[in-house]
């Protein structure tokens, strides 16, 4: 986890936590570009967004949440 490829670009799954230990984000990278499902959480641990990427671009379902964790926007990208 949190590794770089031979070119020095992010590769594979990455996670980072807030100072309080709660998860901040989970992302996956291929050659330094986001690829796959990426999630980000607020300081309190509630999901802020869940977005699918292909080669660094939005693709498929994206969900954005209010700070209380309730769904705000659901959209699809081609």
PDB file of N, CA and C in Angstrom:
ATOM      1  N   UNK A   1       0.841  -1.176   0.000  1.00  0.00           N
ATOM      2  CA  UNK A   1       0.000   0.000   0.000  1.00  0.00           C
ATOM      3  C   UNK A   1       0.890   1.245   0.000  1.00  0.00           C
ATOM      4  N   UNK A   2       0.402   2.320  -0.613  1.00  0.00           N
ATOM      5  CA  UNK A   2       1.126   3.590  -0.710  1.00  0.00           C
ATOM      6  C   UNK A   2       2.514   3.388  -1.312  1.00  0.00           C
ATOM      7  N   UNK A   3       2.536   2.788  -2.501  1.00  0.00           N
ATOM      8  CA  UNK A   3       3.802   2.516  -3.173  1.00  0.00           C
ATOM      9  C   UNK A   3       3.899   3.300  -4.478  1.00  0.00           C
ATOM     10  N   UNK A   4       5.121   3.398  -4.976  1.00  0.00           N
ATOM     11  CA  UNK A   4       5.409   4.050  -6.245  1.00  0.00           C
ATOM     12  C   UNK A   4       5.941   3.018  -7.234  1.00  0.00           C
ATOM     13  N   UNK A   5       5.690   3.256  -8.526  1.00  0.00           N
ATOM     14  CA  UNK A   5       6.240   2.367  -9.544  1.00  0.00           C
ATOM     15  C   UNK A   5       7.665   2.798  -9.898  1.00  0.00           C
ATOM     16  N   UNK A   6       8.255   2.153 -10.874  1.00  0.00           N
ATOM     17  CA  UNK A   6       9.647   2.435 -11.269  1.00  0.00           C
ATOM     18  C   UNK A   6       9.829   3.856 -11.796  1.00  0.00           C
ATOM     19  N   UNK A   7       8.751   4.472 -12.288  1.00  0.00           N
ATOM     20  CA  UNK A   7       8.813   5.839 -12.794  1.00  0.00           C
ATOM     21  C   UNK A   7       8.570   6.875 -11.693  1.00  0.00           C
ATOM     22  N   UNK A   8       8.371   6.407 -10.472  1.00  0.00           N
ATOM     23  CA  UNK A   8       8.131   7.310  -9.352  1.00  0.00           C
ATOM     24  C   UNK A   8       6.696   7.783  -9.237  1.00  0.00           C
ATOM     25  N   UNK A   9       5.768   7.113  -9.935  1.00  0.00           N
ATOM     26  CA  UNK A   9       4.356   7.477  -9.911  1.00  0.00           C
ATOM     27  C   UNK A   9       3.604   6.582  -8.934  1.00  0.00           C
ATOM     28  N   UNK A  10       2.549   7.116  -8.349  1.00  0.00           N
ATOM     29  CA  UNK A  10       1.736   6.317  -7.431  1.00  0.00           C
ATOM     30  C   UNK A  10       1.208   5.087  -8.161  1.00  0.00           C
ATOM     31  N   UNK A  11       1.189   3.982  -7.419  1.00  0.00           N
ATOM     32  CA  UNK A  11       0.756   2.711  -8.011  1.00  0.00           C
ATOM     33  C   UNK A  11       0.039   1.880  -6.952  1.00  0.00           C
ATOM     34  N   UNK A  12      -1.120   1.344  -7.330  1.00  0.00           N
ATOM     35  CA  UNK A  12      -1.869   0.472  -6.433  1.00  0.00           C
ATOM     36  C   UNK A  12      -2.683   1.233  -5.408  1.00  0.00           C
ATOM     37  N   UNK A  13      -3.122   0.517  -4.349  1.00  0.00           N
ATOM     38  CA  UNK A  13      -3.984   1.146  -3.344  1.00  0.00           C
ATOM     39  C   UNK A  13      -3.214   2.106  -2.443  1.00  0.00           C
ATOM     40  N   UNK A  14      -3.854   3.228  -2.141  1.00  0.00           N
ATOM     41  CA  UNK A  14      -3.304   4.243  -1.224  1.00  0.00           C
ATOM     42  C   UNK A  14      -4.363   4.570  -0.196  1.00  0.00           C
ATOM     43  N   UNK A  15      -3.929   4.748   1.033  1.00  0.00           N
ATOM     44  CA  UNK A  15      -4.811   5.186   2.111  1.00  0.00           C
ATOM     45  C   UNK A  15      -4.087   6.220   2.947  1.00  0.00           C
ATOM     46  N   UNK A  16      -4.870   7.131   3.499  1.00  0.00           N
ATOM     47  CA  UNK A  16      -4.319   8.130   4.414  1.00  0.00           C
ATOM     48  C   UNK A  16      -5.361   8.380   5.493  1.00  0.00           C
ATOM     49  N   UNK A  17      -4.880   8.638   6.713  1.00  0.00           N
ATOM     50  CA  UNK A  17      -5.770   8.883   7.846  1.00  0.00           C
ATOM     51  C   UNK A  17      -5.622  10.315   8.344  1.00  0.00           C
ATOM     52  N   UNK A  18      -6.690  10.812   8.950  1.00  0.00           N
ATOM     53  CA  UNK A  18      -6.658  12.089   9.641  1.00  0.00           C
ATOM     54  C   UNK A  18      -5.803  11.942  10.898  1.00  0.00           C
ATOM     55  N   UNK A  19      -5.430  13.040  11.514  1.00  0.00           N
ATOM     56  CA  UNK A  19      -4.642  13.029  12.743  1.00  0.00           C
ATOM     57  C   UNK A  19      -5.314  12.292  13.886  1.00  0.00           C
ATOM     58  N   UNK A  20      -6.660  12.210  13.857  1.00  0.00           N
ATOM     59  CA  UNK A  20      -7.397  11.507  14.907  1.00  0.00           C
ATOM     60  C   UNK A  20      -7.494  10.002  14.659  1.00  0.00           C
ATOM     61  N   UNK A  21      -6.888   9.540  13.560  1.00  0.00           N
ATOM     62  CA  UNK A  21      -6.900   8.113  13.240  1.00  0.00           C
ATOM     63  C   UNK A  21      -8.002   7.688  12.298  1.00  0.00           C
ATOM     64  N   UNK A  22      -9.001   8.549  12.062  1.00  0.00           N
ATOM     65  CA  UNK A  22     -10.061   8.211  11.115  1.00  0.00           C
ATOM     66  C   UNK A  22      -9.516   8.215   9.692  1.00  0.00           C
ATOM     67  N   UNK A  23     -10.065   7.333   8.879  1.00  0.00           N
ATOM     68  CA  UNK A  23      -9.657   7.259   7.485  1.00  0.00           C
ATOM     69  C   UNK A  23     -10.007   8.551   6.757  1.00  0.00           C
ATOM     70  N   UNK A  24      -9.057   9.099   6.008  1.00  0.00           N
ATOM     71  CA  UNK A  24      -9.277  10.307   5.198  1.00  0.00           C
ATOM     72  C   UNK A  24      -9.676   9.880   3.788  1.00  0.00           C
ATOM     73  N   UNK A  25      -8.855   9.015   3.159  1.00  0.00           N
ATOM     74  CA  UNK A  25      -9.208   8.552   1.818  1.00  0.00           C
ATOM     75  C   UNK A  25      -8.648   7.173   1.519  1.00  0.00           C
ATOM     76  N   UNK A  26      -9.312   6.515   0.562  1.00  0.00           N
ATOM     77  CA  UNK A  26      -8.850   5.270  -0.042  1.00  0.00           C
ATOM     78  C   UNK A  26      -8.893   5.501  -1.549  1.00  0.00           C
ATOM     79  N   UNK A  27      -7.770   5.293  -2.212  1.00  0.00           N
ATOM     80  CA  UNK A  27      -7.687   5.510  -3.656  1.00  0.00           C
ATOM     81  C   UNK A  27      -6.844   4.417  -4.276  1.00  0.00           C
ATOM     82  N   UNK A  28      -7.043   4.212  -5.559  1.00  0.00           N
ATOM     83  CA  UNK A  28      -6.225   3.280  -6.305  1.00  0.00           C
ATOM     84  C   UNK A  28      -5.617   4.021  -7.485  1.00  0.00           C
ATOM     85  N   UNK A  29      -4.354   3.744  -7.760  1.00  0.00           N
ATOM     86  CA  UNK A  29      -3.634   4.424  -8.844  1.00  0.00           C
ATOM     87  C   UNK A  29      -3.025   3.419  -9.817  1.00  0.00           C
ATOM     88  N   UNK A  30      -3.002   3.813 -11.073  1.00  0.00           N
ATOM     89  CA  UNK A  30      -2.270   3.091 -12.112  1.00  0.00           C
ATOM     90  C   UNK A  30      -1.446   4.141 -12.846  1.00  0.00           C
ATOM     91  N   UNK A  31      -0.134   3.988 -12.808  1.00  0.00           N
ATOM     92  CA  UNK A  31       0.780   4.950 -13.428  1.00  0.00           C
ATOM     93  C   UNK A  31       0.495   6.387 -13.002  1.00  0.00           C
ATOM     94  N   UNK A  32       0.228   6.584 -11.720  1.00  0.00           N
ATOM     95  CA  UNK A  32       0.036   7.920 -11.170  1.00  0.00           C
ATOM     96  C   UNK A  32      -1.339   8.520 -11.368  1.00  0.00           C
ATOM     97  N   UNK A  33      -2.237   7.799 -12.035  1.00  0.00           N
ATOM     98  CA  UNK A  33      -3.593   8.304 -12.260  1.00  0.00           C
ATOM     99  C   UNK A  33      -4.583   7.490 -11.446  1.00  0.00           C
ATOM    100  N   UNK A  34      -5.584   8.187 -10.900  1.00  0.00           N
ATOM    101  CA  UNK A  34      -6.623   7.469 -10.167  1.00  0.00           C
ATOM    102  C   UNK A  34      -7.321   6.511 -11.121  1.00  0.00           C
ATOM    103  N   UNK A  35      -7.560   5.313 -10.603  1.00  0.00           N
ATOM    104  CA  UNK A  35      -8.182   4.282 -11.429  1.00  0.00           C
ATOM    105  C   UNK A  35      -8.956   3.342 -10.505  1.00  0.00           C
ATOM    106  N   UNK A  36     -10.255   3.262 -10.723  1.00  0.00           N
ATOM    107  CA  UNK A  36     -11.111   2.447  -9.874  1.00  0.00           C
ATOM    108  C   UNK A  36     -11.866   3.307  -8.878  1.00  0.00           C
ATOM    109  N   UNK A  37     -12.437   2.660  -7.880  1.00  0.00           N
ATOM    110  CA  UNK A  37     -13.243   3.349  -6.875  1.00  0.00           C
ATOM    111  C   UNK A  37     -12.337   4.117  -5.919  1.00  0.00           C
ATOM    112  N   UNK A  38     -12.647   5.388  -5.712  1.00  0.00           N
ATOM    113  CA  UNK A  38     -11.934   6.239  -4.757  1.00  0.00           C
ATOM    114  C   UNK A  38     -12.959   6.796  -3.782  1.00  0.00           C
ATOM    115  N   UNK A  39     -12.618   6.742  -2.502  1.00  0.00           N
ATOM    116  CA  UNK A  39     -13.510   7.236  -1.460  1.00  0.00           C
ATOM    117  C   UNK A  39     -12.775   8.250  -0.601  1.00  0.00           C
ATOM    118  N   UNK A  40     -13.521   9.267  -0.165  1.00  0.00           N
ATOM    119  CA  UNK A  40     -12.950  10.256   0.750  1.00  0.00           C
ATOM    120  C   UNK A  40     -13.932  10.483   1.889  1.00  0.00           C
ATOM    121  N   UNK A  41     -13.379  10.633   3.109  1.00  0.00           N
ATOM    122  CA  UNK A  41     -14.166  10.767   4.323  1.00  0.00           C
ATOM    123  C   UNK A  41     -13.832  12.078   5.026  1.00  0.00           C
ATOM    124  N   UNK A  42     -14.799  12.606   5.771  1.00  0.00           N
ATOM    125  CA  UNK A  42     -14.521  13.821   6.532  1.00  0.00           C
ATOM    126  C   UNK A  42     -13.861  13.462   7.864  1.00  0.00           C
ATOM    127  N   UNK A  43     -13.501  14.463   8.626  1.00  0.00           N
ATOM    128  CA  UNK A  43     -12.782  14.276   9.878  1.00  0.00           C
ATOM    129  C   UNK A  43     -13.546  13.380  10.859  1.00  0.00           C
ATOM    130  N   UNK A  44     -14.872  13.420  10.773  1.00  0.00           N
ATOM    131  CA  UNK A  44     -15.710  12.619  11.670  1.00  0.00           C
ATOM    132  C   UNK A  44     -15.906  11.189  11.193  1.00  0.00           C
ATOM    133  N   UNK A  45     -15.364  10.862  10.014  1.00  0.00           N
ATOM    134  CA  UNK A  45     -15.468   9.496   9.493  1.00  0.00           C
ATOM    135  C   UNK A  45     -16.622   9.262   8.557  1.00  0.00           C
ATOM    136  N   UNK A  46     -17.388  10.317   8.227  1.00  0.00           N
ATOM    137  CA  UNK A  46     -18.496  10.157   7.280  1.00  0.00           C
ATOM    138  C   UNK A  46     -17.986  10.268   5.842  1.00  0.00           C
ATOM    139  N   UNK A  47     -18.546   9.440   4.982  1.00  0.00           N
ATOM    140  CA  UNK A  47     -18.180   9.441   3.577  1.00  0.00           C
ATOM    141  C   UNK A  47     -18.544  10.772   2.926  1.00  0.00           C
ATOM    142  N   UNK A  48     -17.579  11.403   2.222  1.00  0.00           N
ATOM    143  CA  UNK A  48     -17.830  12.640   1.481  1.00  0.00           C
ATOM    144  C   UNK A  48     -18.148  12.343   0.024  1.00  0.00           C
ATOM    145  N   UNK A  49     -17.372  11.445  -0.575  1.00  0.00           N
ATOM    146  CA  UNK A  49     -17.665  11.034  -1.937  1.00  0.00           C
ATOM    147  C   UNK A  49     -17.108   9.656  -2.230  1.00  0.00           C
ATOM    148  N   UNK A  50     -17.744   9.032  -3.224  1.00  0.00           N
ATOM    149  CA  UNK A  50     -17.310   7.743  -3.741  1.00  0.00           C
ATOM    150  C   UNK A  50     -17.394   7.875  -5.254  1.00  0.00           C
ATOM    151  N   UNK A  51     -16.236   7.840  -5.911  1.00  0.00           N
ATOM    152  CA  UNK A  51     -16.155   8.145  -7.337  1.00  0.00           C
ATOM    153  C   UNK A  51     -15.374   7.043  -8.039  1.00  0.00           C
ATOM    154  N   UNK A  52     -15.818   6.668  -9.221  1.00  0.00           N
ATOM    155  CA  UNK A  52     -15.082   5.708 -10.033  1.00  0.00           C
ATOM    156  C   UNK A  52     -14.277   6.467 -11.085  1.00  0.00           C
ATOM    157  N   UNK A  53     -13.025   6.090 -11.227  1.00  0.00           N
ATOM    158  CA  UNK A  53     -12.125   6.703 -12.204  1.00  0.00           C
ATOM    159  C   UNK A  53     -11.621   5.656 -13.193  1.00  0.00           C
ATOM    160  N   UNK A  54     -11.371   6.084 -14.404  1.00  0.00           N
ATOM    161  CA  UNK A  54     -10.649   5.297 -15.391  1.00  0.00           C
ATOM    162  C   UNK A  54      -9.577   6.205 -15.963  1.00  0.00           C
ATOM    163  N   UNK A  55      -8.323   5.831 -15.768  1.00  0.00           N
ATOM    164  CA  UNK A  55      -7.180   6.615 -16.236  1.00  0.00           C
ATOM    165  C   UNK A  55      -7.242   8.086 -15.815  1.00  0.00           C
ATOM    166  N   UNK A  56      -7.653   8.347 -14.582  1.00  0.00           N
ATOM    167  CA  UNK A  56      -7.666   9.702 -14.044  1.00  0.00           C
ATOM    168  C   UNK A  56      -8.904  10.513 -14.339  1.00  0.00           C
ATOM    169  N   UNK A  57      -9.872   9.932 -15.047  1.00  0.00           N
ATOM    170  CA  UNK A  57     -11.107  10.646 -15.395  1.00  0.00           C
ATOM    171  C   UNK A  57     -12.312   9.985 -14.743  1.00  0.00           C
ATOM    172  N   UNK A  58     -13.303  10.825 -14.354  1.00  0.00           N
ATOM    173  CA  UNK A  58     -14.549  10.269 -13.843  1.00  0.00           C
ATOM    174  C   UNK A  58     -15.107   9.299 -14.869  1.00  0.00           C
ATOM    175  N   UNK A  59     -15.594   8.159 -14.390  1.00  0.00           N
ATOM    176  CA  UNK A  59     -16.218   7.182 -15.293  1.00  0.00           C
ATOM    177  C   UNK A  59     -17.189   6.341 -14.481  1.00  0.00           C
ATOM    178  N   UNK A  60     -18.422   6.287 -14.929  1.00  0.00           N
ATOM    179  CA  UNK A  60     -19.426   5.513 -14.212  1.00  0.00           C
ATOM    180  C   UNK A  60     -20.039   6.305 -13.075  1.00  0.00           C
ATOM    181  N   UNK A  61     -20.386   5.604 -12.021  1.00  0.00           N
ATOM    182  CA  UNK A  61     -21.129   6.188 -10.906  1.00  0.00           C
ATOM    183  C   UNK A  61     -20.247   7.036 -10.001  1.00  0.00           C
ATOM    184  N   UNK A  62     -20.772   8.214  -9.639  1.00  0.00           N
ATOM    185  CA  UNK A  62     -20.169   9.085  -8.624  1.00  0.00           C
ATOM    186  C   UNK A  62     -21.254   9.427  -7.623  1.00  0.00           C
ATOM    187  N   UNK A  63     -20.913   9.352  -6.346  1.00  0.00           N
ATOM    188  CA  UNK A  63     -21.850   9.704  -5.280  1.00  0.00           C
ATOM    189  C   UNK A  63     -21.192  10.709  -4.357  1.00  0.00           C
ATOM    190  N   UNK A  64     -21.923  11.787  -4.045  1.00  0.00           N
ATOM    191  CA  UNK A  64     -21.439  12.860  -3.179  1.00  0.00           C
ATOM    192  C   UNK A  64     -22.382  12.938  -1.988  1.00  0.00           C
ATOM    193  N   UNK A  65     -21.821  13.121  -0.798  1.00  0.00           N
ATOM    194  CA  UNK A  65     -22.594  13.051   0.437  1.00  0.00           C
ATOM    195  C   UNK A  65     -22.520  14.344   1.231  1.00  0.00           C
ATOM    196  N   UNK A  66     -23.592  14.612   1.977  1.00  0.00           N
ATOM    197  CA  UNK A  66     -23.594  15.705   2.950  1.00  0.00           C
ATOM    198  C   UNK A  66     -22.668  15.344   4.103  1.00  0.00           C
ATOM    199  N   UNK A  67     -22.312  16.322   4.921  1.00  0.00           N
ATOM    200  CA  UNK A  67     -21.395  16.078   6.045  1.00  0.00           C
ATOM    201  C   UNK A  67     -21.977  15.110   7.078  1.00  0.00           C
ATOM    202  N   UNK A  68     -23.298  14.936   7.071  1.00  0.00           N
ATOM    203  CA  UNK A  68     -23.921  13.994   8.003  1.00  0.00           C
ATOM    204  C   UNK A  68     -23.961  12.573   7.449  1.00  0.00           C
ATOM    205  N   UNK A  69     -23.424  12.379   6.235  1.00  0.00           N
ATOM    206  CA  UNK A  69     -23.352  11.049   5.644  1.00  0.00           C
ATOM    207  C   UNK A  69     -24.504  10.697   4.719  1.00  0.00           C
ATOM    208  N   UNK A  70     -25.505  11.567   4.599  1.00  0.00           N
ATOM    209  CA  UNK A  70     -26.637  11.279   3.704  1.00  0.00           C
ATOM    210  C   UNK A  70     -26.274  11.638   2.259  1.00  0.00           C
ATOM    211  N   UNK A  71     -26.792  10.846   1.330  1.00  0.00           N
ATOM    212  CA  UNK A  71     -26.523  11.046  -0.087  1.00  0.00           C
ATOM    213  C   UNK A  71     -27.041  12.394  -0.564  1.00  0.00           C
ATOM    214  N   UNK A  72     -26.207  13.137  -1.273  1.00  0.00           N
ATOM    215  CA  UNK A  72     -26.560  14.439  -1.837  1.00  0.00           C
ATOM    216  C   UNK A  72     -26.796  14.297  -3.337  1.00  0.00           C
ATOM    217  N   UNK A  73     -25.773  13.868  -4.067  1.00  0.00           N
ATOM    218  CA  UNK A  73     -25.836  13.809  -5.539  1.00  0.00           C
ATOM    219  C   UNK A  73     -25.328  12.458  -6.009  1.00  0.00           C
ATOM    220  N   UNK A  74     -26.053  11.893  -6.962  1.00  0.00           N
ATOM    221  CA  UNK A  74     -25.625  10.671  -7.638  1.00  0.00           C
ATOM    222  C   UNK A  74     -25.599  11.000  -9.120  1.00  0.00           C
ATOM    223  N   UNK A  75     -24.465  10.762  -9.759  1.00  0.00           N
ATOM    224  CA  UNK A  75     -24.355  11.088 -11.190  1.00  0.00           C
ATOM    225  C   UNK A  75     -23.541  10.017 -11.897  1.00  0.00           C
ATOM    226  N   UNK A  76     -23.729   9.955 -13.201  1.00  0.00           N
ATOM    227  CA  UNK A  76     -23.015   8.971 -14.029  1.00  0.00           C
ATOM    228  C   UNK A  76     -22.159   9.714 -15.055  1.00  0.00           C
ATOM    229  N   UNK A  77     -20.972   9.215 -15.268  1.00  0.00           N
ATOM    230  CA  UNK A  77     -20.052   9.812 -16.234  1.00  0.00           C
ATOM    231  C   UNK A  77     -19.676   8.767 -17.278  1.00  0.00           C
ATOM    232  N   UNK A  78     -19.547   9.216 -18.499  1.00  0.00           N
ATOM    233  CA  UNK A  78     -19.117   8.324 -19.586  1.00  0.00           C
ATOM    234  C   UNK A  78     -17.659   8.556 -19.896  1.00  0.00           C
TER     235      UNK A  78
END
